[in-house]
PDB file of N, CA and C in Angstrom:
ATOM      1  N   UNK A   1      10.252  17.010  11.897  1.00  0.00           N
ATOM      2  CA  UNK A   1      10.388  15.937  12.868  1.00  0.00           C
ATOM      3  C   UNK A   1      11.852  15.682  13.134  1.00  0.00           C
ATOM      4  N   UNK A   2      12.180  15.479  14.400  1.00  0.00           N
ATOM      5  CA  UNK A   2      13.549  15.130  14.761  1.00  0.00           C
ATOM      6  C   UNK A   2      13.739  13.623  14.634  1.00  0.00           C
ATOM      7  N   UNK A   3      14.772  13.247  13.917  1.00  0.00           N
ATOM      8  CA  UNK A   3      15.055  11.832  13.713  1.00  0.00           C
ATOM      9  C   UNK A   3      16.189  11.346  14.610  1.00  0.00           C
ATOM     10  N   UNK A   4      16.634  12.202  15.527  1.00  0.00           N
ATOM     11  CA  UNK A   4      17.795  11.891  16.347  1.00  0.00           C
ATOM     12  C   UNK A   4      17.571  10.745  17.323  1.00  0.00           C
ATOM     13  N   UNK A   5      16.408  10.660  17.918  1.00  0.00           N
ATOM     14  CA  UNK A   5      16.172   9.694  18.985  1.00  0.00           C
ATOM     15  C   UNK A   5      15.390   8.471  18.527  1.00  0.00           C
ATOM     16  N   UNK A   6      15.410   8.194  17.244  1.00  0.00           N
ATOM     17  CA  UNK A   6      14.683   7.037  16.741  1.00  0.00           C
ATOM     18  C   UNK A   6      15.486   5.759  16.939  1.00  0.00           C
ATOM     19  N   UNK A   7      14.770   4.668  17.128  1.00  0.00           N
ATOM     20  CA  UNK A   7      15.400   3.351  17.244  1.00  0.00           C
ATOM     21  C   UNK A   7      14.922   2.488  16.086  1.00  0.00           C
ATOM     22  N   UNK A   8      15.777   1.596  15.656  1.00  0.00           N
ATOM     23  CA  UNK A   8      15.411   0.659  14.594  1.00  0.00           C
ATOM     24  C   UNK A   8      14.378  -0.321  15.143  1.00  0.00           C
ATOM     25  N   UNK A   9      13.415  -0.696  14.321  1.00  0.00           N
ATOM     26  CA  UNK A   9      12.380  -1.626  14.726  1.00  0.00           C
ATOM     27  C   UNK A   9      12.942  -3.011  14.993  1.00  0.00           C
ATOM     28  N   UNK A  10      12.108  -3.876  15.560  1.00  0.00           N
ATOM     29  CA  UNK A  10      12.489  -5.263  15.813  1.00  0.00           C
ATOM     30  C   UNK A  10      12.925  -5.935  14.520  1.00  0.00           C
ATOM     31  N   UNK A  11      13.791  -6.915  14.642  1.00  0.00           N
ATOM     32  CA  UNK A  11      14.344  -7.617  13.485  1.00  0.00           C
ATOM     33  C   UNK A  11      13.251  -8.244  12.617  1.00  0.00           C
ATOM     34  N   UNK A  12      12.121  -8.639  13.215  1.00  0.00           N
ATOM     35  CA  UNK A  12      11.072  -9.277  12.419  1.00  0.00           C
ATOM     36  C   UNK A  12      10.507  -8.328  11.356  1.00  0.00           C
ATOM     37  N   UNK A  13      10.465  -7.041  11.645  1.00  0.00           N
ATOM     38  CA  UNK A  13      10.010  -6.073  10.647  1.00  0.00           C
ATOM     39  C   UNK A  13      11.031  -5.950   9.526  1.00  0.00           C
ATOM     40  N   UNK A  14      12.279  -6.012   9.877  1.00  0.00           N
ATOM     41  CA  UNK A  14      13.360  -5.870   8.915  1.00  0.00           C
ATOM     42  C   UNK A  14      13.467  -7.124   8.049  1.00  0.00           C
ATOM     43  N   UNK A  15      13.381  -8.291   8.703  1.00  0.00           N
ATOM     44  CA  UNK A  15      13.490  -9.564   7.974  1.00  0.00           C
ATOM     45  C   UNK A  15      12.397  -9.748   6.929  1.00  0.00           C
ATOM     46  N   UNK A  16      11.271  -9.111   7.117  1.00  0.00           N
ATOM     47  CA  UNK A  16      10.185  -9.191   6.139  1.00  0.00           C
ATOM     48  C   UNK A  16      10.621  -8.671   4.773  1.00  0.00           C
ATOM     49  N   UNK A  17      11.658  -7.830   4.759  1.00  0.00           N
ATOM     50  CA  UNK A  17      12.114  -7.196   3.525  1.00  0.00           C
ATOM     51  C   UNK A  17      13.495  -7.677   3.087  1.00  0.00           C
ATOM     52  N   UNK A  18      13.904  -8.849   3.597  1.00  0.00           N
ATOM     53  CA  UNK A  18      15.177  -9.460   3.194  1.00  0.00           C
ATOM     54  C   UNK A  18      14.897 -10.834   2.592  1.00  0.00           C
ATOM     55  N   UNK A  19      15.390 -11.038   1.396  1.00  0.00           N
ATOM     56  CA  UNK A  19      15.167 -12.275   0.649  1.00  0.00           C
ATOM     57  C   UNK A  19      15.636 -13.505   1.439  1.00  0.00           C
ATOM     58  N   UNK A  20      14.793 -14.523   1.435  1.00  0.00           N
ATOM     59  CA  UNK A  20      15.159 -15.804   2.022  1.00  0.00           C
ATOM     60  C   UNK A  20      14.912 -15.963   3.510  1.00  0.00           C
ATOM     61  N   UNK A  21      14.472 -14.918   4.194  1.00  0.00           N
ATOM     62  CA  UNK A  21      14.210 -15.043   5.626  1.00  0.00           C
ATOM     63  C   UNK A  21      12.846 -15.674   5.862  1.00  0.00           C
ATOM     64  N   UNK A  22      12.656 -16.201   7.053  1.00  0.00           N
ATOM     65  CA  UNK A  22      11.378 -16.815   7.413  1.00  0.00           C
ATOM     66  C   UNK A  22      10.240 -15.792   7.344  1.00  0.00           C
ATOM     67  N   UNK A  23      10.501 -14.571   7.798  1.00  0.00           N
ATOM     68  CA  UNK A  23       9.474 -13.521   7.759  1.00  0.00           C
ATOM     69  C   UNK A  23       9.103 -13.167   6.323  1.00  0.00           C
ATOM     70  N   UNK A  24      10.089 -13.141   5.413  1.00  0.00           N
ATOM     71  CA  UNK A  24       9.806 -12.850   4.006  1.00  0.00           C
ATOM     72  C   UNK A  24       8.976 -13.975   3.408  1.00  0.00           C
ATOM     73  N   UNK A  25       9.317 -15.215   3.716  1.00  0.00           N
ATOM     74  CA  UNK A  25       8.554 -16.362   3.206  1.00  0.00           C
ATOM     75  C   UNK A  25       7.116 -16.329   3.713  1.00  0.00           C
ATOM     76  N   UNK A  26       6.930 -15.955   4.960  1.00  0.00           N
ATOM     77  CA  UNK A  26       5.585 -15.833   5.532  1.00  0.00           C
ATOM     78  C   UNK A  26       4.786 -14.763   4.788  1.00  0.00           C
ATOM     79  N   UNK A  27       5.415 -13.626   4.540  1.00  0.00           N
ATOM     80  CA  UNK A  27       4.742 -12.536   3.802  1.00  0.00           C
ATOM     81  C   UNK A  27       4.380 -12.989   2.387  1.00  0.00           C
ATOM     82  N   UNK A  28       5.280 -13.661   1.731  1.00  0.00           N
ATOM     83  CA  UNK A  28       5.043 -14.164   0.379  1.00  0.00           C
ATOM     84  C   UNK A  28       3.880 -15.160   0.363  1.00  0.00           C
ATOM     85  N   UNK A  29       3.848 -16.075   1.310  1.00  0.00           N
ATOM     86  CA  UNK A  29       2.756 -17.063   1.387  1.00  0.00           C
ATOM     87  C   UNK A  29       1.431 -16.400   1.739  1.00  0.00           C
ATOM     88  N   UNK A  30       1.477 -15.426   2.632  1.00  0.00           N
ATOM     89  CA  UNK A  30       0.251 -14.768   3.119  1.00  0.00           C
ATOM     90  C   UNK A  30      -0.377 -13.851   2.075  1.00  0.00           C
ATOM     91  N   UNK A  31       0.460 -13.068   1.367  1.00  0.00           N
ATOM     92  CA  UNK A  31      -0.072 -12.050   0.464  1.00  0.00           C
ATOM     93  C   UNK A  31       0.157 -12.329  -1.014  1.00  0.00           C
ATOM     94  N   UNK A  32       1.033 -13.294  -1.325  1.00  0.00           N
ATOM     95  CA  UNK A  32       1.334 -13.600  -2.719  1.00  0.00           C
ATOM     96  C   UNK A  32       2.478 -12.800  -3.292  1.00  0.00           C
ATOM     97  N   UNK A  33       2.991 -11.829  -2.521  1.00  0.00           N
ATOM     98  CA  UNK A  33       4.155 -11.057  -2.967  1.00  0.00           C
ATOM     99  C   UNK A  33       4.901 -10.528  -1.752  1.00  0.00           C
ATOM    100  N   UNK A  34       6.145 -10.144  -1.982  1.00  0.00           N
ATOM    101  CA  UNK A  34       6.954  -9.545  -0.921  1.00  0.00           C
ATOM    102  C   UNK A  34       7.882  -8.516  -1.549  1.00  0.00           C
ATOM    103  N   UNK A  35       8.014  -7.379  -0.888  1.00  0.00           N
ATOM    104  CA  UNK A  35       8.936  -6.336  -1.323  1.00  0.00           C
ATOM    105  C   UNK A  35      10.227  -6.508  -0.542  1.00  0.00           C
ATOM    106  N   UNK A  36      11.319  -6.828  -1.253  1.00  0.00           N
ATOM    107  CA  UNK A  36      12.592  -7.131  -0.592  1.00  0.00           C
ATOM    108  C   UNK A  36      13.697  -6.230  -1.128  1.00  0.00           C
ATOM    109  N   UNK A  37      14.642  -5.919  -0.255  1.00  0.00           N
ATOM    110  CA  UNK A  37      15.815  -5.175  -0.677  1.00  0.00           C
ATOM    111  C   UNK A  37      16.759  -6.102  -1.436  1.00  0.00           C
ATOM    112  N   UNK A  38      17.648  -5.520  -2.226  1.00  0.00           N
ATOM    113  CA  UNK A  38      18.655  -6.285  -2.959  1.00  0.00           C
ATOM    114  C   UNK A  38      19.417  -7.187  -1.982  1.00  0.00           C
ATOM    115  N   UNK A  39      19.829  -6.624  -0.847  1.00  0.00           N
ATOM    116  CA  UNK A  39      20.501  -7.375   0.212  1.00  0.00           C
ATOM    117  C   UNK A  39      20.488  -6.515   1.477  1.00  0.00           C
ATOM    118  N   UNK A  40      21.053  -7.046   2.555  1.00  0.00           N
ATOM    119  CA  UNK A  40      21.023  -6.305   3.817  1.00  0.00           C
ATOM    120  C   UNK A  40      21.873  -5.043   3.767  1.00  0.00           C
ATOM    121  N   UNK A  41      22.959  -5.062   3.020  1.00  0.00           N
ATOM    122  CA  UNK A  41      23.786  -3.858   2.885  1.00  0.00           C
ATOM    123  C   UNK A  41      22.982  -2.739   2.216  1.00  0.00           C
ATOM    124  N   UNK A  42      22.192  -3.078   1.204  1.00  0.00           N
ATOM    125  CA  UNK A  42      21.346  -2.074   0.540  1.00  0.00           C
ATOM    126  C   UNK A  42      20.296  -1.545   1.513  1.00  0.00           C
ATOM    127  N   UNK A  43      19.701  -2.429   2.295  1.00  0.00           N
ATOM    128  CA  UNK A  43      18.704  -2.007   3.278  1.00  0.00           C
ATOM    129  C   UNK A  43      19.315  -0.973   4.219  1.00  0.00           C
ATOM    130  N   UNK A  44      20.492  -1.249   4.737  1.00  0.00           N
ATOM    131  CA  UNK A  44      21.139  -0.313   5.672  1.00  0.00           C
ATOM    132  C   UNK A  44      21.514   1.004   4.983  1.00  0.00           C
ATOM    133  N   UNK A  45      21.957   0.934   3.738  1.00  0.00           N
ATOM    134  CA  UNK A  45      22.283   2.148   2.985  1.00  0.00           C
ATOM    135  C   UNK A  45      21.029   2.989   2.767  1.00  0.00           C
ATOM    136  N   UNK A  46      19.926   2.334   2.386  1.00  0.00           N
ATOM    137  CA  UNK A  46      18.657   3.043   2.170  1.00  0.00           C
ATOM    138  C   UNK A  46      18.171   3.668   3.476  1.00  0.00           C
ATOM    139  N   UNK A  47      18.257   2.933   4.582  1.00  0.00           N
ATOM    140  CA  UNK A  47      17.859   3.498   5.880  1.00  0.00           C
ATOM    141  C   UNK A  47      18.612   4.797   6.151  1.00  0.00           C
ATOM    142  N   UNK A  48      19.923   4.779   5.958  1.00  0.00           N
ATOM    143  CA  UNK A  48      20.729   5.972   6.225  1.00  0.00           C
ATOM    144  C   UNK A  48      20.349   7.132   5.312  1.00  0.00           C
ATOM    145  N   UNK A  49      20.146   6.846   4.032  1.00  0.00           N
ATOM    146  CA  UNK A  49      19.750   7.897   3.092  1.00  0.00           C
ATOM    147  C   UNK A  49      18.386   8.471   3.469  1.00  0.00           C
ATOM    148  N   UNK A  50      17.463   7.596   3.847  1.00  0.00           N
ATOM    149  CA  UNK A  50      16.129   8.071   4.224  1.00  0.00           C
ATOM    150  C   UNK A  50      16.176   8.889   5.504  1.00  0.00           C
ATOM    151  N   UNK A  51      16.980   8.492   6.455  1.00  0.00           N
ATOM    152  CA  UNK A  51      17.100   9.256   7.697  1.00  0.00           C
ATOM    153  C   UNK A  51      17.720  10.627   7.458  1.00  0.00           C
ATOM    154  N   UNK A  52      18.537  10.751   6.400  1.00  0.00           N
ATOM    155  CA  UNK A  52      19.188  12.027   6.088  1.00  0.00           C
ATOM    156  C   UNK A  52      18.349  12.893   5.150  1.00  0.00           C
ATOM    157  N   UNK A  53      17.555  12.293   4.260  1.00  0.00           N
ATOM    158  CA  UNK A  53      16.855  13.024   3.197  1.00  0.00           C
ATOM    159  C   UNK A  53      15.367  12.732   3.165  1.00  0.00           C
ATOM    160  N   UNK A  54      14.719  12.786   4.313  1.00  0.00           N
ATOM    161  CA  UNK A  54      13.317  12.385   4.353  1.00  0.00           C
ATOM    162  C   UNK A  54      12.389  13.427   3.743  1.00  0.00           C
ATOM    163  N   UNK A  55      11.369  12.927   3.068  1.00  0.00           N
ATOM    164  CA  UNK A  55      10.286  13.749   2.548  1.00  0.00           C
ATOM    165  C   UNK A  55       9.009  13.153   3.106  1.00  0.00           C
ATOM    166  N   UNK A  56       8.305  13.914   3.940  1.00  0.00           N
ATOM    167  CA  UNK A  56       7.079  13.419   4.563  1.00  0.00           C
ATOM    168  C   UNK A  56       6.030  13.152   3.490  1.00  0.00           C
ATOM    169  N   UNK A  57       5.470  11.940   3.500  1.00  0.00           N
ATOM    170  CA  UNK A  57       4.469  11.576   2.490  1.00  0.00           C
ATOM    171  C   UNK A  57       3.096  11.334   3.091  1.00  0.00           C
ATOM    172  N   UNK A  58       2.990  11.311   4.418  1.00  0.00           N
ATOM    173  CA  UNK A  58       1.686  11.146   5.029  1.00  0.00           C
ATOM    174  C   UNK A  58       1.713  10.276   6.266  1.00  0.00           C
ATOM    175  N   UNK A  59       0.516  10.056   6.776  1.00  0.00           N
ATOM    176  CA  UNK A  59       0.338   9.242   7.976  1.00  0.00           C
ATOM    177  C   UNK A  59      -0.672   8.154   7.651  1.00  0.00           C
ATOM    178  N   UNK A  60      -0.283   6.894   7.836  1.00  0.00           N
ATOM    179  CA  UNK A  60      -1.144   5.758   7.534  1.00  0.00           C
ATOM    180  C   UNK A  60      -1.147   4.815   8.734  1.00  0.00           C
ATOM    181  N   UNK A  61      -2.325   4.461   9.212  1.00  0.00           N
ATOM    182  CA  UNK A  61      -2.489   3.547  10.349  1.00  0.00           C
ATOM    183  C   UNK A  61      -1.579   3.906  11.526  1.00  0.00           C
ATOM    184  N   UNK A  62      -1.531   5.198  11.838  1.00  0.00           N
ATOM    185  CA  UNK A  62      -0.780   5.662  12.996  1.00  0.00           C
ATOM    186  C   UNK A  62       0.711   5.803  12.794  1.00  0.00           C
ATOM    187  N   UNK A  63       1.210   5.545  11.588  1.00  0.00           N
ATOM    188  CA  UNK A  63       2.652   5.654  11.324  1.00  0.00           C
ATOM    189  C   UNK A  63       2.926   6.825  10.392  1.00  0.00           C
ATOM    190  N   UNK A  64       3.920   7.631  10.740  1.00  0.00           N
ATOM    191  CA  UNK A  64       4.390   8.665   9.824  1.00  0.00           C
ATOM    192  C   UNK A  64       5.207   7.980   8.745  1.00  0.00           C
ATOM    193  N   UNK A  65       5.018   8.413   7.512  1.00  0.00           N
ATOM    194  CA  UNK A  65       5.735   7.801   6.405  1.00  0.00           C
ATOM    195  C   UNK A  65       6.530   8.856   5.659  1.00  0.00           C
ATOM    196  N   UNK A  66       7.753   8.480   5.326  1.00  0.00           N
ATOM    197  CA  UNK A  66       8.673   9.342   4.607  1.00  0.00           C
ATOM    198  C   UNK A  66       9.211   8.545   3.432  1.00  0.00           C
ATOM    199  N   UNK A  67       9.503   9.225   2.344  1.00  0.00           N
ATOM    200  CA  UNK A  67       9.967   8.484   1.181  1.00  0.00           C
ATOM    201  C   UNK A  67      10.987   9.235   0.361  1.00  0.00           C
ATOM    202  N   UNK A  68      11.588   8.469  -0.550  1.00  0.00           N
ATOM    203  CA  UNK A  68      12.593   9.034  -1.442  1.00  0.00           C
ATOM    204  C   UNK A  68      12.688   8.147  -2.677  1.00  0.00           C
ATOM    205  N   UNK A  69      12.706   8.771  -3.847  1.00  0.00           N
ATOM    206  CA  UNK A  69      12.848   8.039  -5.108  1.00  0.00           C
ATOM    207  C   UNK A  69      14.324   7.989  -5.471  1.00  0.00           C
ATOM    208  N   UNK A  70      14.874   6.788  -5.476  1.00  0.00           N
ATOM    209  CA  UNK A  70      16.289   6.592  -5.788  1.00  0.00           C
ATOM    210  C   UNK A  70      16.469   6.441  -7.299  1.00  0.00           C
ATOM    211  N   UNK A  71      17.660   6.733  -7.781  1.00  0.00           N
ATOM    212  CA  UNK A  71      17.966   6.597  -9.206  1.00  0.00           C
ATOM    213  C   UNK A  71      18.199   5.154  -9.619  1.00  0.00           C
ATOM    214  N   UNK A  72      18.562   4.317  -8.668  1.00  0.00           N
ATOM    215  CA  UNK A  72      18.894   2.923  -8.955  1.00  0.00           C
ATOM    216  C   UNK A  72      17.928   1.975  -8.258  1.00  0.00           C
ATOM    217  N   UNK A  73      17.937   0.745  -8.683  1.00  0.00           N
ATOM    218  CA  UNK A  73      17.106  -0.286  -8.074  1.00  0.00           C
ATOM    219  C   UNK A  73      17.625  -0.570  -6.662  1.00  0.00           C
ATOM    220  N   UNK A  74      16.716  -0.535  -5.690  1.00  0.00           N
ATOM    221  CA  UNK A  74      17.081  -0.841  -4.305  1.00  0.00           C
ATOM    222  C   UNK A  74      16.493  -2.176  -3.858  1.00  0.00           C
ATOM    223  N   UNK A  75      15.561  -2.712  -4.633  1.00  0.00           N
ATOM    224  CA  UNK A  75      14.940  -3.975  -4.259  1.00  0.00           C
ATOM    225  C   UNK A  75      14.033  -4.493  -5.356  1.00  0.00           C
ATOM    226  N   UNK A  76      13.252  -5.519  -4.990  1.00  0.00           N
ATOM    227  CA  UNK A  76      12.354  -6.155  -5.956  1.00  0.00           C
ATOM    228  C   UNK A  76      11.060  -6.556  -5.271  1.00  0.00           C
ATOM    229  N   UNK A  77       9.975  -6.490  -6.008  1.00  0.00           N
ATOM    230  CA  UNK A  77       8.721  -7.112  -5.577  1.00  0.00           C
ATOM    231  C   UNK A  77       8.716  -8.500  -6.208  1.00  0.00           C
ATOM    232  N   UNK A  78       8.748  -9.515  -5.378  1.00  0.00           N
ATOM    233  CA  UNK A  78       8.763 -10.887  -5.876  1.00  0.00           C
ATOM    234  C   UNK A  78       7.402 -11.519  -5.609  1.00  0.00           C
ATOM    235  N   UNK A  79       7.013 -12.447  -6.474  1.00  0.00           N
ATOM    236  CA  UNK A  79       5.744 -13.133  -6.267  1.00  0.00           C
ATOM    237  C   UNK A  79       5.948 -14.640  -6.271  1.00  0.00           C
ATOM    238  N   UNK A  80       4.864 -15.357  -6.052  1.00  0.00           N
ATOM    239  CA  UNK A  80       4.921 -16.816  -5.945  1.00  0.00           C
ATOM    240  C   UNK A  80       5.379 -17.493  -7.229  1.00  0.00           C
ATOM    241  N   UNK A  81       5.201 -16.826  -8.366  1.00  0.00           N
ATOM    242  CA  UNK A  81       5.606 -17.388  -9.659  1.00  0.00           C
ATOM    243  C   UNK A  81       7.086 -17.153  -9.953  1.00  0.00           C
ATOM    244  N   UNK A  82       7.735 -16.358  -9.103  1.00  0.00           N
ATOM    245  CA  UNK A  82       9.151 -16.064  -9.316  1.00  0.00           C
ATOM    246  C   UNK A  82       9.404 -14.772 -10.076  1.00  0.00           C
ATOM    247  N   UNK A  83       8.342 -14.052 -10.427  1.00  0.00           N
ATOM    248  CA  UNK A  83       8.509 -12.765 -11.113  1.00  0.00           C
ATOM    249  C   UNK A  83       9.146 -11.747 -10.170  1.00  0.00           C
ATOM    250  N   UNK A  84       9.932 -10.844 -10.737  1.00  0.00           N
ATOM    251  CA  UNK A  84      10.569  -9.788  -9.956  1.00  0.00           C
ATOM    252  C   UNK A  84      10.370  -8.445 -10.642  1.00  0.00           C
ATOM    253  N   UNK A  85       9.795  -7.500  -9.916  1.00  0.00           N
ATOM    254  CA  UNK A  85       9.603  -6.139 -10.405  1.00  0.00           C
ATOM    255  C   UNK A  85      10.621  -5.256  -9.679  1.00  0.00           C
ATOM    256  N   UNK A  86      11.466  -4.533 -10.413  1.00  0.00           N
ATOM    257  CA  UNK A  86      12.452  -3.660  -9.761  1.00  0.00           C
ATOM    258  C   UNK A  86      11.772  -2.536  -8.981  1.00  0.00           C
ATOM    259  N   UNK A  87      12.329  -2.214  -7.828  1.00  0.00           N
ATOM    260  CA  UNK A  87      11.805  -1.152  -6.966  1.00  0.00           C
ATOM    261  C   UNK A  87      12.879  -0.084  -6.758  1.00  0.00           C
ATOM    262  N   UNK A  88      12.482   1.170  -6.923  1.00  0.00           N
ATOM    263  CA  UNK A  88      13.418   2.290  -6.778  1.00  0.00           C
ATOM    264  C   UNK A  88      12.992   3.282  -5.701  1.00  0.00           C
ATOM    265  N   UNK A  89      11.837   3.060  -5.093  1.00  0.00           N
ATOM    266  CA  UNK A  89      11.318   3.991  -4.089  1.00  0.00           C
ATOM    267  C   UNK A  89      11.543   3.398  -2.702  1.00  0.00           C
ATOM    268  N   UNK A  90      12.104   4.184  -1.809  1.00  0.00           N
ATOM    269  CA  UNK A  90      12.311   3.749  -0.433  1.00  0.00           C
ATOM    270  C   UNK A  90      11.360   4.483   0.485  1.00  0.00           C
ATOM    271  N   UNK A  91      10.801   3.750   1.411  1.00  0.00           N
ATOM    272  CA  UNK A  91       9.861   4.340   2.369  1.00  0.00           C
ATOM    273  C   UNK A  91      10.340   4.041   3.780  1.00  0.00           C
ATOM    274  N   UNK A  92      10.242   5.031   4.649  1.00  0.00           N
ATOM    275  CA  UNK A  92      10.597   4.875   6.047  1.00  0.00           C
ATOM    276  C   UNK A  92       9.320   5.043   6.859  1.00  0.00           C
ATOM    277  N   UNK A  93       8.941   4.005   7.595  1.00  0.00           N
ATOM    278  CA  UNK A  93       7.774   4.073   8.481  1.00  0.00           C
ATOM    279  C   UNK A  93       8.267   4.329   9.890  1.00  0.00           C
ATOM    280  N   UNK A  94       7.643   5.320  10.545  1.00  0.00           N
ATOM    281  CA  UNK A  94       8.021   5.674  11.910  1.00  0.00           C
ATOM    282  C   UNK A  94       6.772   5.665  12.779  1.00  0.00           C
ATOM    283  N   UNK A  95       6.837   4.868  13.845  1.00  0.00           N
ATOM    284  CA  UNK A  95       5.723   4.788  14.781  1.00  0.00           C
ATOM    285  C   UNK A  95       6.282   4.546  16.174  1.00  0.00           C
ATOM    286  N   UNK A  96       5.815   5.336  17.122  1.00  0.00           N
ATOM    287  CA  UNK A  96       6.232   5.194  18.517  1.00  0.00           C
ATOM    288  C   UNK A  96       7.751   5.258  18.681  1.00  0.00           C
ATOM    289  N   UNK A  97       8.404   6.125  17.906  1.00  0.00           N
ATOM    290  CA  UNK A  97       9.840   6.322  18.038  1.00  0.00           C
ATOM    291  C   UNK A  97      10.705   5.237  17.419  1.00  0.00           C
ATOM    292  N   UNK A  98      10.092   4.339  16.648  1.00  0.00           N
ATOM    293  CA  UNK A  98      10.832   3.235  16.009  1.00  0.00           C
ATOM    294  C   UNK A  98      10.592   3.299  14.502  1.00  0.00           C
ATOM    295  N   UNK A  99      11.585   2.850  13.728  1.00  0.00           N
ATOM    296  CA  UNK A  99      11.472   2.946  12.272  1.00  0.00           C
ATOM    297  C   UNK A  99      11.889   1.651  11.601  1.00  0.00           C
ATOM    298  N   UNK A 100      11.412   1.485  10.369  1.00  0.00           N
ATOM    299  CA  UNK A 100      11.963   0.475   9.470  1.00  0.00           C
ATOM    300  C   UNK A 100      11.738   0.929   8.036  1.00  0.00           C
ATOM    301  N   UNK A 101      12.643   0.481   7.161  1.00  0.00           N
ATOM    302  CA  UNK A 101      12.608   0.872   5.754  1.00  0.00           C
ATOM    303  C   UNK A 101      11.954  -0.220   4.923  1.00  0.00           C
ATOM    304  N   UNK A 102      11.305   0.211   3.838  1.00  0.00           N
ATOM    305  CA  UNK A 102      10.598  -0.702   2.940  1.00  0.00           C
ATOM    306  C   UNK A 102      10.882  -0.269   1.506  1.00  0.00           C
ATOM    307  N   UNK A 103      11.226  -1.213   0.621  1.00  0.00           N
ATOM    308  CA  UNK A 103      11.321  -0.852  -0.791  1.00  0.00           C
ATOM    309  C   UNK A 103       9.917  -0.866  -1.412  1.00  0.00           C
ATOM    310  N   UNK A 104       9.629   0.088  -2.269  1.00  0.00           N
ATOM    311  CA  UNK A 104       8.285   0.213  -2.841  1.00  0.00           C
ATOM    312  C   UNK A 104       8.388   0.605  -4.305  1.00  0.00           C
ATOM    313  N   UNK A 105       7.232   0.548  -5.001  1.00  0.00           N
ATOM    314  CA  UNK A 105       7.147   1.076  -6.349  1.00  0.00           C
ATOM    315  C   UNK A 105       6.910   2.575  -6.317  1.00  0.00           C
ATOM    316  N   UNK A 106       6.204   3.035  -5.263  1.00  0.00           N
ATOM    317  CA  UNK A 106       5.867   4.453  -5.091  1.00  0.00           C
ATOM    318  C   UNK A 106       5.408   4.642  -3.660  1.00  0.00           C
ATOM    319  N   UNK A 107       5.091   5.870  -3.299  1.00  0.00           N
ATOM    320  CA  UNK A 107       4.610   6.152  -1.937  1.00  0.00           C
ATOM    321  C   UNK A 107       3.288   5.422  -1.712  1.00  0.00           C
ATOM    322  N   UNK A 108       3.125   4.886  -0.498  1.00  0.00           N
ATOM    323  CA  UNK A 108       1.858   4.246  -0.143  1.00  0.00           C
ATOM    324  C   UNK A 108       1.057   5.221   0.693  1.00  0.00           C
ATOM    325  N   UNK A 109       0.073   5.819   0.086  1.00  0.00           N
ATOM    326  CA  UNK A 109      -0.725   6.852   0.768  1.00  0.00           C
ATOM    327  C   UNK A 109      -1.846   6.245   1.560  1.00  0.00           C
TER     328      UNK A 109
END
């Protein structure tokens, strides 16, 4: 797949994975947990690494998914109780020529 002509998704998709944003709070309230990057700089670094080193992991709900296991923590799964699980897997979802990155525990098949 050519990644040259991809555009970043709307900010609301990105904000869902940034600590303290309204979209992240909505996700946390709705599902009981949220997967967030360490910070926005980490999110942008992970996006660049994923765009350069993608490994196709499958297609889910019409989106191509690519992933990469990083050596360091890139984010956390936080829950309503305040627990934080370190996340080292980055996933790039691509649909209709647009992408966004998500921190994960592993590939979501």
